[in-house]
Amino acid sequence: MKKLRFLSLILSFLVLSACASDGTGGGLSEREGGALLGAGLGAGLGAIVGNQTGHAGAGTAIGAGAGALTGALIGESQRRQKQNIKSELRQEMMQQQYQGQYAPQPYTTQQPAAQQTQAPVTQQGQEIHTKYNPRTGQTFPDRYKYDPNTGEELQYLR
């Protein structure tokens, strides 16, 4: 009867832990979720092994601790992997933005080829800066979408 209560307690603990939301709006992080799941699984396995040896309580405690540690390490590994993928994607987007063939062309109506220009140019041959980074205040030409130094999205000057 004790085994049935213990297993139902473990099962309800695992079911309730699945109710946590994944994301930035709250809930558990990957590390916390992994630790929780690992602790539950480790406690269950520890109870089974401990019961066979006659020390179910000690087996449960050892299994829960080892499972929590292992789950937290796996969860942290997943979090870092996601972060690296986001960083790589951001870097790739910035590289594509500043290559000539991928640079977005400004919208123009159909004009003769002699009248089309790539960017507004001043008397001295410098481009006019029409975008800026709100955090740093640095300005950029219209052809830039992201700040090449920080990767932040640029806004138009008002």
Protein backbone atom coordinates (compact mmCIF):
# COMPACT_ATOMS: atom_id res chain seq x y z
CA MET A 1 0.00 0.00 0.00
CA LYS A 2 2.90 2.36 0.79
CA LYS A 3 4.40 1.68 -2.61
CA LEU A 4 1.15 2.61 -4.31
CA ARG A 5 0.92 5.91 -2.38
CA PHE A 6 4.53 6.74 -3.12
CA LEU A 7 4.18 5.99 -6.83
CA SER A 8 0.96 8.02 -7.05
CA LEU A 9 2.73 10.90 -5.30
CA ILE A 10 5.62 10.73 -7.78
CA LEU A 11 3.21 10.52 -10.72
CA SER A 12 1.16 13.50 -9.55
CA PHE A 13 4.38 15.46 -8.98
CA LEU A 14 5.50 14.79 -12.56
CA VAL A 15 2.08 15.66 -13.99
CA LEU A 16 1.95 18.95 -12.10
CA SER A 17 5.47 19.84 -13.10
CA ALA A 18 4.38 19.62 -16.75
CA CYS A 19 2.01 22.57 -16.16
CA ALA A 20 4.88 25.05 -16.07
CA SER A 21 5.09 27.29 -19.12
CA ASP A 22 8.19 27.46 -21.28
CA GLY A 23 9.24 30.98 -22.28
CA THR A 24 10.26 34.36 -21.03
CA GLY A 25 6.85 35.21 -19.58
CA GLY A 26 7.43 33.11 -16.49
CA GLY A 27 7.55 29.44 -15.69
CA LEU A 28 10.60 27.27 -15.44
CA SER A 29 13.85 27.70 -17.30
CA GLU A 30 15.42 24.79 -19.15
CA ARG A 31 17.74 24.18 -16.21
CA GLU A 32 14.93 24.19 -13.63
CA GLY A 33 12.68 21.99 -15.76
CA GLY A 34 15.49 19.53 -16.34
CA ALA A 35 16.29 19.42 -12.63
CA LEU A 36 12.65 18.84 -11.75
CA LEU A 37 12.19 16.08 -14.28
CA GLY A 38 15.53 14.48 -13.35
CA ALA A 39 14.68 14.58 -9.65
CA GLY A 40 11.34 12.89 -10.27
CA LEU A 41 12.78 10.18 -12.46
CA GLY A 42 15.79 9.70 -10.17
CA ALA A 43 13.55 9.42 -7.10
CA GLY A 44 11.39 6.80 -8.81
CA LEU A 45 14.36 4.74 -9.93
CA GLY A 46 16.05 5.17 -6.56
CA ALA A 47 12.93 3.97 -4.77
CA ILE A 48 12.75 0.88 -6.95
CA VAL A 49 16.43 0.03 -6.47
CA GLY A 50 16.31 0.94 -2.77
CA ASN A 51 13.27 -1.27 -2.24
CA GLN A 52 15.13 -4.24 -3.69
CA THR A 53 18.03 -3.68 -1.28
CA GLY A 54 15.80 -2.91 1.70
CA HIS A 55 16.53 0.85 1.89
CA ALA A 56 13.80 2.53 -0.17
CA GLY A 57 14.08 5.91 1.59
CA ALA A 58 17.82 6.21 1.10
CA GLY A 59 17.53 5.05 -2.51
CA THR A 60 14.84 7.65 -3.18
CA ALA A 61 16.91 10.46 -1.68
CA ILE A 62 20.09 9.49 -3.52
CA GLY A 63 18.21 8.97 -6.79
CA ALA A 64 16.43 12.33 -6.48
CA GLY A 65 19.68 14.18 -5.84
CA ALA A 66 21.56 12.51 -8.66
CA GLY A 67 18.60 12.95 -11.03
CA ALA A 68 18.23 16.64 -10.15
CA LEU A 69 21.91 17.29 -10.81
CA THR A 70 21.89 15.37 -14.09
CA GLY A 71 18.65 17.03 -15.24
CA ALA A 72 19.95 20.51 -14.40
CA LEU A 73 23.13 19.88 -16.40
CA ILE A 74 21.16 18.66 -19.41
CA GLY A 75 18.75 21.61 -19.15
CA GLU A 76 21.61 24.10 -18.99
CA SER A 77 23.19 22.46 -22.02
CA GLN A 78 19.94 22.90 -23.95
CA ARG A 79 19.70 26.56 -22.92
CA ARG A 80 23.25 27.25 -24.10
CA GLN A 81 22.61 25.45 -27.37
CA LYS A 82 19.55 27.64 -28.03
CA GLN A 83 21.53 30.76 -27.18
CA ASN A 84 24.35 29.75 -29.57
CA ILE A 85 21.89 29.09 -32.39
CA LYS A 86 20.28 32.52 -31.91
CA SER A 87 23.70 34.16 -31.91
CA GLU A 88 24.73 32.35 -35.09
CA LEU A 89 21.49 33.33 -36.84
CA ARG A 90 21.92 36.97 -35.81
CA GLN A 91 25.51 36.94 -37.09
CA GLU A 92 24.44 35.37 -40.39
CA MET A 93 21.69 37.96 -40.87
CA MET A 94 24.16 40.77 -40.31
CA GLN A 95 26.64 39.29 -42.79
CA GLN A 96 23.95 38.95 -45.43
CA GLN A 97 22.76 42.49 -44.80
CA TYR A 98 26.14 44.01 -45.56
CA GLN A 99 26.97 41.94 -48.63
CA GLY A 100 26.15 43.79 -51.83
CA GLN A 101 23.91 41.16 -53.39
CA TYR A 102 21.78 40.81 -50.25
CA ALA A 103 21.56 44.49 -49.36
CA PRO A 104 17.96 45.68 -49.61
CA GLN A 105 17.48 48.12 -52.46
CA PRO A 106 15.47 51.28 -51.78
CA TYR A 107 12.02 51.36 -53.33
CA THR A 108 12.00 53.43 -56.50
CA THR A 109 9.42 54.05 -59.18
CA GLN A 110 10.32 53.23 -62.73
CA GLN A 111 12.80 55.91 -63.81
CA PRO A 112 15.34 55.98 -66.58
CA ALA A 113 18.59 54.32 -65.56
CA ALA A 114 20.49 57.60 -65.73
CA GLN A 115 18.33 59.14 -62.98
CA GLN A 116 18.51 56.25 -60.47
CA THR A 117 20.97 56.53 -57.57
CA GLN A 118 21.88 54.05 -54.86
CA ALA A 119 21.89 56.41 -51.88
CA PRO A 120 21.54 60.14 -51.31
CA VAL A 121 24.94 61.78 -51.61
CA THR A 122 26.09 65.17 -50.35
CA GLN A 123 28.39 67.63 -52.11
CA GLN A 124 31.52 65.91 -50.73
CA GLY A 125 30.45 62.41 -51.86
CA GLN A 126 29.36 61.14 -48.42
CA GLU A 127 26.08 59.32 -47.85
CA ILE A 128 23.36 61.02 -45.85
CA HIS A 129 22.62 59.21 -42.61
CA THR A 130 18.88 58.65 -42.24
CA LYS A 131 18.83 55.91 -39.58
CA TYR A 132 20.14 55.70 -36.03
CA ASN A 133 20.60 53.35 -33.10
CA PRO A 134 18.36 54.66 -30.27
CA ARG A 135 20.61 53.21 -27.58
CA THR A 136 23.98 54.46 -28.83
CA GLY A 137 22.82 57.45 -30.88
CA GLN A 138 25.09 56.51 -33.78
CA THR A 139 23.70 57.27 -37.26
CA PHE A 140 23.83 55.16 -40.43
CA PRO A 141 22.85 55.39 -44.12
CA ASP A 142 19.40 54.25 -45.19
CA ARG A 143 20.69 50.95 -46.63
CA TYR A 144 21.54 49.62 -43.13
CA LYS A 145 18.87 47.72 -41.23
CA TYR A 146 20.95 46.69 -38.19
CA ASP A 147 23.78 48.39 -36.33
CA PRO A 148 26.96 46.56 -37.49
CA ASN A 149 28.58 47.00 -34.06
CA THR A 150 25.76 45.84 -31.77
CA GLY A 151 23.30 44.04 -34.06
CA GLU A 152 20.39 46.20 -32.84
CA GLU A 153 17.67 47.22 -35.26
CA LEU A 154 17.97 50.78 -36.52
CA GLN A 155 15.19 53.39 -36.61
CA TYR A 156 14.62 56.29 -38.96
CA LEU A 157 15.61 59.77 -37.85
CA ARG A 158 12.64 62.03 -37.12
